[in-house]
Amino acid sequence: MAILQDQPTNPNFLSPLNFRFSIRRTPNITYFLTGLSSPSLEVPFVNTSNPFITIPQPGDHITYSDLIIKFKVDEDLKNYLEIHDWIRALGKPNFSEYKALIDNEKTNPINDTGRFSELSLMILNSAHGSNYEMVFETAFPYNISGLEFDSSKETVDYIEATAAFKYIKYELKQI
């Protein structure tokens, strides 16, 4: 029997625990983050017909699914309010909140205090070193979950929240 010639150079599996995530605009989220799902990537397809069979053909526009993160809420609500207030300002509940976003963008477009921010997922290897980075460009939150309080529980399950983000695209690159 022949020995396989195409053996993997790294036999280690990717661990779901080995990651770091950061949002420039919301530094308090990073420490309390408990999970996220890497977004899916899809290209639509078009069916073309001939007399015998329908043949799928690749489309021309990539679709990225939303990025959803999960985090423990700190007791001062700092991390929750970072996302909450960002969404409020985007939704223009009053003109002054939205105007502050736009003014921040105009005076310092790199400081991530405007409408958008850069998000970064660092994927670590088995030795906890940086292996890949997924950078989400021009991201903004569009949803944050409510806070669920329940005094009937016998143990303390600290409150978690989720936030959903839209973005233009992401780049996955090896470090």
N, C-alpha and C. Protein backbone atom coordinates (compact mmCIF):
# COMPACT_ATOMS: atom_id res chain seq x y z
N MET A 1 0.84 -1.17 0.00
CA MET A 1 0.00 0.00 0.00
C MET A 1 0.89 1.24 0.00
N ALA A 2 0.55 2.22 -0.81
CA ALA A 2 1.34 3.45 -0.94
C ALA A 2 1.09 4.38 0.23
N ILE A 3 2.12 5.06 0.64
CA ILE A 3 2.01 6.06 1.70
C ILE A 3 1.46 7.35 1.08
N LEU A 4 0.55 7.99 1.79
CA LEU A 4 0.01 9.25 1.29
C LEU A 4 1.11 10.30 1.20
N GLN A 5 1.16 10.97 0.08
CA GLN A 5 2.19 11.98 -0.14
C GLN A 5 1.76 13.36 0.34
N ASP A 6 0.48 13.62 0.41
CA ASP A 6 -0.02 14.95 0.75
C ASP A 6 -0.46 15.02 2.21
N GLN A 7 0.49 14.86 3.11
CA GLN A 7 0.20 14.95 4.53
C GLN A 7 0.13 16.43 4.94
N PRO A 8 -0.78 16.78 5.86
CA PRO A 8 -0.84 18.18 6.30
C PRO A 8 0.44 18.55 7.05
N THR A 9 0.85 19.79 6.90
CA THR A 9 2.03 20.26 7.61
C THR A 9 1.71 20.64 9.05
N ASN A 10 0.45 20.95 9.34
CA ASN A 10 0.03 21.29 10.69
C ASN A 10 -1.20 20.45 11.04
N PRO A 11 -1.06 19.45 11.90
CA PRO A 11 -2.19 18.56 12.22
C PRO A 11 -3.12 19.10 13.32
N ASN A 12 -2.87 20.30 13.83
CA ASN A 12 -3.68 20.86 14.91
C ASN A 12 -5.02 21.37 14.39
N PHE A 13 -6.05 21.18 15.20
CA PHE A 13 -7.38 21.69 14.87
C PHE A 13 -7.53 23.13 15.36
N LEU A 14 -8.44 23.87 14.74
CA LEU A 14 -8.73 25.24 15.16
C LEU A 14 -9.62 25.19 16.40
N SER A 15 -9.20 25.87 17.46
CA SER A 15 -9.95 25.88 18.72
C SER A 15 -10.94 27.03 18.74
N PRO A 16 -12.17 26.80 19.22
CA PRO A 16 -13.13 27.89 19.33
C PRO A 16 -12.80 28.87 20.47
N LEU A 17 -11.81 28.54 21.28
CA LEU A 17 -11.42 29.41 22.39
C LEU A 17 -10.32 30.39 22.01
N ASN A 18 -9.64 30.15 20.91
CA ASN A 18 -8.45 30.92 20.55
C ASN A 18 -8.77 32.08 19.61
N PHE A 19 -9.25 33.15 20.18
CA PHE A 19 -9.55 34.34 19.38
C PHE A 19 -9.48 35.58 20.26
N ARG A 20 -9.30 36.70 19.61
CA ARG A 20 -9.41 38.03 20.23
C ARG A 20 -10.22 38.90 19.28
N PHE A 21 -11.07 39.72 19.84
CA PHE A 21 -11.92 40.57 19.02
C PHE A 21 -11.85 41.99 19.55
N SER A 22 -11.82 42.95 18.66
CA SER A 22 -11.81 44.34 19.12
C SER A 22 -12.59 45.22 18.16
N ILE A 23 -13.16 46.25 18.73
CA ILE A 23 -13.84 47.31 17.98
C ILE A 23 -13.18 48.60 18.44
N ARG A 24 -12.57 49.31 17.52
CA ARG A 24 -11.87 50.53 17.91
C ARG A 24 -12.75 51.49 18.69
N ARG A 25 -13.96 51.62 18.27
CA ARG A 25 -14.87 52.60 18.87
C ARG A 25 -15.37 52.18 20.25
N THR A 26 -15.37 50.90 20.55
CA THR A 26 -15.94 50.41 21.81
C THR A 26 -14.92 49.54 22.57
N PRO A 27 -13.96 50.13 23.21
CA PRO A 27 -12.90 49.34 23.87
C PRO A 27 -13.39 48.47 25.03
N ASN A 28 -14.51 48.81 25.65
CA ASN A 28 -14.99 48.03 26.79
C ASN A 28 -15.61 46.70 26.39
N ILE A 29 -15.94 46.51 25.14
CA ILE A 29 -16.51 45.25 24.67
C ILE A 29 -15.46 44.13 24.69
N THR A 30 -14.23 44.46 24.33
CA THR A 30 -13.19 43.45 24.13
C THR A 30 -13.01 42.54 25.34
N TYR A 31 -12.89 43.09 26.51
CA TYR A 31 -12.63 42.31 27.72
C TYR A 31 -13.79 41.37 28.05
N PHE A 32 -15.02 41.78 27.79
CA PHE A 32 -16.20 41.02 28.20
C PHE A 32 -16.79 40.14 27.09
N LEU A 33 -16.18 40.12 25.92
CA LEU A 33 -16.71 39.34 24.81
C LEU A 33 -16.67 37.85 25.15
N THR A 34 -17.77 37.15 24.92
CA THR A 34 -17.82 35.72 25.19
C THR A 34 -17.94 34.88 23.93
N GLY A 35 -18.34 35.47 22.83
CA GLY A 35 -18.43 34.68 21.61
C GLY A 35 -18.87 35.49 20.41
N LEU A 36 -18.65 34.91 19.26
CA LEU A 36 -19.12 35.46 17.99
C LEU A 36 -19.08 34.36 16.96
N SER A 37 -19.80 34.57 15.90
CA SER A 37 -19.76 33.64 14.77
C SER A 37 -19.18 34.37 13.59
N SER A 38 -18.19 33.76 12.98
CA SER A 38 -17.62 34.33 11.78
C SER A 38 -18.70 34.36 10.71
N PRO A 39 -18.89 35.48 10.04
CA PRO A 39 -19.97 35.59 9.05
C PRO A 39 -19.76 34.66 7.85
N SER A 40 -20.86 34.25 7.28
CA SER A 40 -20.78 33.44 6.08
C SER A 40 -20.59 34.32 4.86
N LEU A 41 -20.17 33.72 3.79
CA LEU A 41 -19.92 34.40 2.52
C LEU A 41 -20.67 33.63 1.44
N GLU A 42 -21.40 34.35 0.62
CA GLU A 42 -22.22 33.69 -0.38
C GLU A 42 -22.18 34.46 -1.69
N VAL A 43 -22.14 33.72 -2.78
CA VAL A 43 -22.31 34.32 -4.09
C VAL A 43 -23.60 33.73 -4.66
N PRO A 44 -24.50 34.57 -5.10
CA PRO A 44 -25.77 34.05 -5.64
C PRO A 44 -25.51 33.31 -6.95
N PHE A 45 -26.47 32.52 -7.33
CA PHE A 45 -26.32 31.80 -8.59
C PHE A 45 -27.55 32.02 -9.45
N VAL A 46 -27.36 31.79 -10.73
CA VAL A 46 -28.43 31.93 -11.71
C VAL A 46 -28.55 30.60 -12.43
N ASN A 47 -29.77 30.13 -12.58
CA ASN A 47 -29.99 28.90 -13.34
C ASN A 47 -30.16 29.22 -14.82
N THR A 48 -29.41 28.51 -15.63
CA THR A 48 -29.59 28.63 -17.07
C THR A 48 -30.14 27.30 -17.57
N SER A 49 -31.01 27.37 -18.52
CA SER A 49 -31.68 26.15 -18.99
C SER A 49 -31.20 25.78 -20.38
N ASN A 50 -31.24 24.50 -20.62
CA ASN A 50 -31.12 23.98 -21.97
C ASN A 50 -32.19 22.91 -22.11
N PRO A 51 -32.34 22.29 -23.23
CA PRO A 51 -33.44 21.32 -23.39
C PRO A 51 -33.38 20.12 -22.44
N PHE A 52 -32.21 19.87 -21.84
CA PHE A 52 -32.06 18.66 -21.05
C PHE A 52 -31.98 18.86 -19.54
N ILE A 53 -31.36 19.96 -19.12
CA ILE A 53 -31.08 20.13 -17.69
C ILE A 53 -30.94 21.63 -17.36
N THR A 54 -31.21 21.96 -16.13
CA THR A 54 -30.96 23.32 -15.65
C THR A 54 -29.57 23.35 -15.05
N ILE A 55 -28.77 24.32 -15.47
CA ILE A 55 -27.37 24.39 -15.05
C ILE A 55 -27.17 25.64 -14.20
N PRO A 56 -26.69 25.47 -12.94
CA PRO A 56 -26.41 26.65 -12.10
C PRO A 56 -25.11 27.32 -12.55
N GLN A 57 -25.14 28.66 -12.56
CA GLN A 57 -23.97 29.46 -12.92
C GLN A 57 -23.73 30.47 -11.79
N PRO A 58 -22.46 30.76 -11.48
CA PRO A 58 -22.20 31.73 -10.41
C PRO A 58 -22.68 33.13 -10.78
N GLY A 59 -23.19 33.84 -9.78
CA GLY A 59 -23.65 35.22 -9.97
C GLY A 59 -22.50 36.19 -9.91
N ASP A 60 -22.80 37.45 -9.64
CA ASP A 60 -21.75 38.46 -9.71
C ASP A 60 -21.62 39.36 -8.48
N HIS A 61 -22.37 39.14 -7.43
CA HIS A 61 -22.26 39.99 -6.23
C HIS A 61 -22.14 39.12 -4.99
N ILE A 62 -21.10 39.36 -4.21
CA ILE A 62 -20.91 38.62 -2.96
C ILE A 62 -21.84 39.19 -1.90
N THR A 63 -22.40 38.31 -1.08
CA THR A 63 -23.23 38.71 0.05
C THR A 63 -22.57 38.22 1.33
N TYR A 64 -22.37 39.14 2.27
CA TYR A 64 -21.81 38.80 3.58
C TYR A 64 -22.95 38.76 4.59
N SER A 65 -22.96 37.75 5.44
CA SER A 65 -23.96 37.73 6.51
C SER A 65 -23.52 38.70 7.61
N ASP A 66 -24.42 39.01 8.51
CA ASP A 66 -24.14 39.95 9.60
C ASP A 66 -23.16 39.34 10.59
N LEU A 67 -22.43 40.20 11.25
CA LEU A 67 -21.55 39.79 12.34
C LEU A 67 -22.33 39.98 13.63
N ILE A 68 -22.44 38.93 14.41
CA ILE A 68 -23.16 39.00 15.68
C ILE A 68 -22.20 38.61 16.79
N ILE A 69 -22.09 39.49 17.78
CA ILE A 69 -21.21 39.23 18.91
C ILE A 69 -22.05 39.05 20.18
N LYS A 70 -21.45 38.35 21.15
CA LYS A 70 -22.11 38.12 22.44
C LYS A 70 -21.12 38.53 23.53
N PHE A 71 -21.60 39.28 24.53
CA PHE A 71 -20.71 39.74 25.59
C PHE A 71 -21.45 39.81 26.91
N LYS A 72 -20.68 39.66 27.99
CA LYS A 72 -21.20 39.86 29.34
C LYS A 72 -21.28 41.36 29.57
N VAL A 73 -22.35 41.79 30.20
CA VAL A 73 -22.55 43.22 30.46
C VAL A 73 -21.91 43.56 31.80
N ASP A 74 -21.05 44.56 31.81
CA ASP A 74 -20.43 44.97 33.07
C ASP A 74 -21.45 45.73 33.92
N GLU A 75 -21.24 45.75 35.25
CA GLU A 75 -22.27 46.31 36.14
C GLU A 75 -22.43 47.82 36.01
N ASP A 76 -21.47 48.50 35.40
CA ASP A 76 -21.63 49.92 35.14
C ASP A 76 -22.25 50.18 33.77
N LEU A 77 -22.56 49.14 33.05
CA LEU A 77 -23.17 49.20 31.71
C LEU A 77 -22.29 49.92 30.69
N LYS A 78 -21.00 50.05 30.95
CA LYS A 78 -20.14 50.78 30.02
C LYS A 78 -20.11 50.14 28.64
N ASN A 79 -19.91 48.81 28.59
CA ASN A 79 -19.83 48.16 27.28
C ASN A 79 -21.19 48.16 26.57
N TYR A 80 -22.25 47.98 27.31
CA TYR A 80 -23.58 47.99 26.72
C TYR A 80 -23.91 49.38 26.15
N LEU A 81 -23.60 50.41 26.93
CA LEU A 81 -23.92 51.77 26.50
C LEU A 81 -23.07 52.23 25.31
N GLU A 82 -21.87 51.67 25.16
CA GLU A 82 -21.07 52.02 23.98
C GLU A 82 -21.83 51.69 22.69
N ILE A 83 -22.40 50.51 22.65
CA ILE A 83 -23.16 50.09 21.46
C ILE A 83 -24.52 50.78 21.43
N HIS A 84 -25.20 50.81 22.57
CA HIS A 84 -26.53 51.42 22.68
C HIS A 84 -26.52 52.87 22.20
N ASP A 85 -25.58 53.64 22.71
CA ASP A 85 -25.52 55.06 22.35
C ASP A 85 -25.12 55.26 20.89
N TRP A 86 -24.29 54.39 20.37
CA TRP A 86 -23.89 54.44 18.97
C TRP A 86 -25.11 54.23 18.07
N ILE A 87 -25.92 53.22 18.40
CA ILE A 87 -27.13 52.94 17.62
C ILE A 87 -28.12 54.10 17.74
N ARG A 88 -28.29 54.63 18.95
CA ARG A 88 -29.20 55.78 19.13
C ARG A 88 -28.80 56.94 18.25
N ALA A 89 -27.51 57.25 18.24
CA ALA A 89 -27.04 58.37 17.42
C ALA A 89 -27.26 58.10 15.93
N LEU A 90 -27.06 56.86 15.51
CA LEU A 90 -27.30 56.51 14.10
C LEU A 90 -28.77 56.66 13.74
N GLY A 91 -29.64 56.35 14.69
CA GLY A 91 -31.08 56.40 14.44
C GLY A 91 -31.67 57.79 14.54
N LYS A 92 -30.86 58.77 14.87
CA LYS A 92 -31.28 60.18 14.92
C LYS A 92 -32.51 60.43 15.82
N PRO A 93 -32.48 59.98 17.09
CA PRO A 93 -33.62 60.27 17.95
C PRO A 93 -33.77 61.76 18.21
N ASN A 94 -32.65 62.45 18.18
CA ASN A 94 -32.67 63.91 18.18
C ASN A 94 -31.46 64.36 17.35
N PHE A 95 -31.57 65.52 16.81
CA PHE A 95 -30.55 65.96 15.86
C PHE A 95 -29.19 66.13 16.51
N SER A 96 -29.12 66.49 17.79
CA SER A 96 -27.82 66.76 18.42
C SER A 96 -26.95 65.50 18.50
N GLU A 97 -27.54 64.32 18.77
CA GLU A 97 -26.76 63.09 18.83
C GLU A 97 -26.17 62.74 17.46
N TYR A 98 -26.99 62.83 16.43
CA TYR A 98 -26.51 62.52 15.08
C TYR A 98 -25.49 63.56 14.62
N LYS A 99 -25.73 64.82 14.94
CA LYS A 99 -24.81 65.89 14.55
C LYS A 99 -23.44 65.67 15.19
N ALA A 100 -23.40 65.18 16.43
CA ALA A 100 -22.12 64.90 17.09
C ALA A 100 -21.35 63.82 16.33
N LEU A 101 -22.05 62.81 15.82
CA LEU A 101 -21.39 61.77 15.02
C LEU A 101 -20.77 62.38 13.76
N ILE A 102 -21.54 63.15 13.05
CA ILE A 102 -21.07 63.74 11.80
C ILE A 102 -19.93 64.72 12.05
N ASP A 103 -20.04 65.53 13.10
CA ASP A 103 -18.97 66.48 13.43
C ASP A 103 -17.68 65.75 13.77
N ASN A 104 -17.78 64.64 14.51
CA ASN A 104 -16.59 63.85 14.83
C ASN A 104 -15.94 63.29 13.59
N GLU A 105 -16.74 62.83 12.64
CA GLU A 105 -16.20 62.31 11.38
C GLU A 105 -15.47 63.39 10.61
N LYS A 106 -16.03 64.59 10.58
CA LYS A 106 -15.43 65.68 9.81
C LYS A 106 -14.12 66.15 10.42
N THR A 107 -14.06 66.25 11.75
CA THR A 107 -12.87 66.79 12.39
C THR A 107 -11.75 65.76 12.48
N ASN A 108 -12.08 64.49 12.66
CA ASN A 108 -11.05 63.46 12.77
C ASN A 108 -11.59 62.15 12.23
N PRO A 109 -11.51 61.91 10.93
CA PRO A 109 -12.12 60.73 10.33
C PRO A 109 -11.49 59.41 10.75
N ILE A 110 -10.31 59.43 11.35
CA ILE A 110 -9.63 58.19 11.72
C ILE A 110 -9.94 57.76 13.16
N ASN A 111 -10.57 58.59 13.95
CA ASN A 111 -10.71 58.31 15.38
C ASN A 111 -11.85 57.37 15.74
N ASP A 112 -12.61 56.90 14.78
CA ASP A 112 -13.69 55.94 15.02
C ASP A 112 -14.71 56.42 16.05
N THR A 113 -15.06 57.69 16.00
CA THR A 113 -16.13 58.18 16.85
C THR A 113 -17.30 58.64 16.00
N GLY A 114 -17.24 58.38 14.72
CA GLY A 114 -18.32 58.74 13.81
C GLY A 114 -19.31 57.60 13.65
N ARG A 115 -19.87 57.50 12.47
CA ARG A 115 -20.88 56.48 12.21
C ARG A 115 -20.31 55.07 12.09
N PHE A 116 -19.06 54.96 11.67
CA PHE A 116 -18.48 53.65 11.36
C PHE A 116 -17.24 53.38 12.20
N SER A 117 -16.87 52.11 12.27
CA SER A 117 -15.66 51.72 12.96
C SER A 117 -15.08 50.48 12.28
N GLU A 118 -13.82 50.22 12.55
CA GLU A 118 -13.19 49.00 12.07
C GLU A 118 -13.28 47.95 13.16
N LEU A 119 -13.62 46.73 12.79
CA LEU A 119 -13.70 45.61 13.71
C LEU A 119 -12.63 44.62 13.32
N SER A 120 -12.05 43.94 14.30
CA SER A 120 -10.97 43.01 14.02
C SER A 120 -11.14 41.73 14.83
N LEU A 121 -11.10 40.60 14.13
CA LEU A 121 -11.11 39.29 14.77
C LEU A 121 -9.75 38.67 14.54
N MET A 122 -9.01 38.45 15.62
CA MET A 122 -7.71 37.80 15.54
C MET A 122 -7.91 36.33 15.86
N ILE A 123 -7.56 35.46 14.92
CA ILE A 123 -7.68 34.01 15.10
C ILE A 123 -6.31 33.50 15.52
N LEU A 124 -6.27 32.85 16.67
CA LEU A 124 -5.00 32.42 17.25
C LEU A 124 -4.74 30.95 16.94
N ASN A 125 -3.47 30.58 16.91
CA ASN A 125 -3.12 29.18 16.69
C ASN A 125 -3.09 28.44 18.02
N SER A 126 -2.68 27.17 18.01
CA SER A 126 -2.71 26.35 19.23
C SER A 126 -1.72 26.84 20.29
N ALA A 127 -0.73 27.63 19.90
CA ALA A 127 0.22 28.21 20.86
C ALA A 127 -0.21 29.62 21.28
N HIS A 128 -1.43 30.00 20.94
CA HIS A 128 -2.03 31.31 21.26
C HIS A 128 -1.32 32.48 20.59
N GLY A 129 -0.68 32.21 19.47
CA GLY A 129 -0.07 33.27 18.68
C GLY A 129 -1.03 33.67 17.57
N SER A 130 -0.89 34.88 17.08
CA SER A 130 -1.76 35.37 16.00
C SER A 130 -1.49 34.56 14.74
N ASN A 131 -2.56 34.08 14.13
CA ASN A 131 -2.43 33.26 12.93
C ASN A 131 -3.10 33.94 11.73
N TYR A 132 -4.36 34.35 11.91
CA TYR A 132 -5.11 35.05 10.88
C TYR A 132 -5.82 36.24 11.50
N GLU A 133 -6.07 37.24 10.67
CA GLU A 133 -6.87 38.38 11.11
C GLU A 133 -7.98 38.61 10.11
N MET A 134 -9.18 38.80 10.64
CA MET A 134 -10.35 39.13 9.83
C MET A 134 -10.71 40.58 10.17
N VAL A 135 -10.58 41.47 9.21
CA VAL A 135 -10.84 42.89 9.44
C VAL A 135 -12.13 43.26 8.72
N PHE A 136 -13.08 43.82 9.47
CA PHE A 136 -14.37 44.24 8.95
C PHE A 136 -14.32 45.74 8.70
N GLU A 137 -14.55 46.14 7.47
CA GLU A 137 -14.42 47.54 7.08
C GLU A 137 -15.76 48.27 7.11
N THR A 138 -15.72 49.50 7.56
CA THR A 138 -16.86 50.41 7.58
C THR A 138 -18.07 49.73 8.25
N ALA A 139 -17.86 49.30 9.48
CA ALA A 139 -18.90 48.58 10.22
C ALA A 139 -19.71 49.52 11.10
N PHE A 140 -20.95 49.13 11.33
CA PHE A 140 -21.81 49.86 12.26
C PHE A 140 -22.81 48.89 12.88
N PRO A 141 -23.20 49.13 14.14
CA PRO A 141 -24.20 48.25 14.77
C PRO A 141 -25.60 48.67 14.34
N TYR A 142 -26.47 47.68 14.19
CA TYR A 142 -27.86 48.01 13.89
C TYR A 142 -28.82 47.40 14.90
N ASN A 143 -28.30 46.56 15.80
CA ASN A 143 -29.17 45.94 16.79
C ASN A 143 -28.36 45.61 18.04
N ILE A 144 -28.98 45.85 19.20
CA ILE A 144 -28.42 45.37 20.47
C ILE A 144 -29.59 44.79 21.25
N SER A 145 -29.34 43.65 21.86
CA SER A 145 -30.42 42.98 22.59
C SER A 145 -30.78 43.76 23.84
N GLY A 146 -31.93 43.44 24.39
CA GLY A 146 -32.33 44.02 25.66
C GLY A 146 -31.62 43.32 26.81
N LEU A 147 -31.77 43.87 28.00
CA LEU A 147 -31.19 43.27 29.20
C LEU A 147 -32.27 42.47 29.90
N GLU A 148 -31.99 41.20 30.16
CA GLU A 148 -32.99 40.32 30.75
C GLU A 148 -32.70 40.11 32.23
N PHE A 149 -33.60 40.60 33.08
CA PHE A 149 -33.48 40.44 34.51
C PHE A 149 -34.47 39.36 34.96
N ASP A 150 -34.06 38.51 35.92
CA ASP A 150 -34.92 37.42 36.37
C ASP A 150 -34.56 37.07 37.81
N SER A 151 -35.39 37.47 38.77
CA SER A 151 -35.10 37.22 40.18
C SER A 151 -35.51 35.82 40.63
N SER A 152 -36.08 35.01 39.75
CA SER A 152 -36.52 33.67 40.14
C SER A 152 -35.40 32.63 40.03
N LYS A 153 -34.26 32.99 39.48
CA LYS A 153 -33.16 32.03 39.33
C LYS A 153 -32.48 31.79 40.67
N GLU A 154 -31.99 30.56 40.86
CA GLU A 154 -31.32 30.21 42.10
C GLU A 154 -29.83 30.49 42.06
N THR A 155 -29.26 30.60 40.87
CA THR A 155 -27.85 30.94 40.74
C THR A 155 -27.73 32.21 39.91
N VAL A 156 -26.59 32.85 40.02
CA VAL A 156 -26.37 34.08 39.27
C VAL A 156 -25.80 33.73 37.90
N ASP A 157 -26.59 33.95 36.90
CA ASP A 157 -26.13 33.87 35.52
C ASP A 157 -26.01 35.32 35.05
N TYR A 158 -24.79 35.80 34.95
CA TYR A 158 -24.59 37.20 34.63
C TYR A 158 -25.18 37.53 33.27
N ILE A 159 -25.66 38.74 33.16
CA ILE A 159 -26.39 39.16 31.97
C ILE A 159 -25.47 39.23 30.77
N GLU A 160 -25.94 38.64 29.67
CA GLU A 160 -25.25 38.71 28.39
C GLU A 160 -26.11 39.50 27.42
N ALA A 161 -25.45 40.14 26.50
CA ALA A 161 -26.14 40.87 25.44
C ALA A 161 -25.53 40.48 24.10
N THR A 162 -26.29 40.69 23.05
CA THR A 162 -25.77 40.47 21.70
C THR A 162 -25.90 41.78 20.93
N ALA A 163 -25.01 41.94 19.98
CA ALA A 163 -25.05 43.10 19.09
C ALA A 163 -24.81 42.60 17.68
N ALA A 164 -25.52 43.16 16.72
CA ALA A 164 -25.39 42.77 15.32
C ALA A 164 -24.83 43.93 14.52
N PHE A 165 -23.93 43.62 13.60
CA PHE A 165 -23.23 44.63 12.81
C PHE A 165 -23.38 44.37 11.32
N LYS A 166 -23.50 45.45 10.58
CA LYS A 166 -23.39 45.44 9.12
C LYS A 166 -22.02 46.02 8.78
N TYR A 167 -21.51 45.69 7.63
CA TYR A 167 -20.21 46.18 7.20
C TYR A 167 -20.15 46.05 5.68
N ILE A 168 -19.18 46.73 5.08
CA ILE A 168 -19.06 46.68 3.62
C ILE A 168 -18.46 45.35 3.17
N LYS A 169 -17.33 44.96 3.78
CA LYS A 169 -16.69 43.70 3.45
C LYS A 169 -15.73 43.35 4.56
N TYR A 170 -15.24 42.12 4.51
CA TYR A 170 -14.15 41.75 5.40
C TYR A 170 -13.01 41.14 4.60
N GLU A 171 -11.81 41.29 5.14
CA GLU A 171 -10.62 40.71 4.55
C GLU A 171 -10.05 39.71 5.55
N LEU A 172 -9.73 38.53 5.10
CA LEU A 172 -9.12 37.50 5.93
C LEU A 172 -7.69 37.31 5.44
N LYS A 173 -6.73 37.62 6.33
CA LYS A 173 -5.33 37.54 5.91
C LYS A 173 -4.50 36.83 6.97
N GLN A 174 -3.53 36.08 6.50
CA GLN A 174 -2.63 35.40 7.41
C GLN A 174 -1.60 36.38 7.95
N ILE A 175 -1.31 36.27 9.24
CA ILE A 175 -0.37 37.18 9.89
C ILE A 175 1.03 36.58 9.80
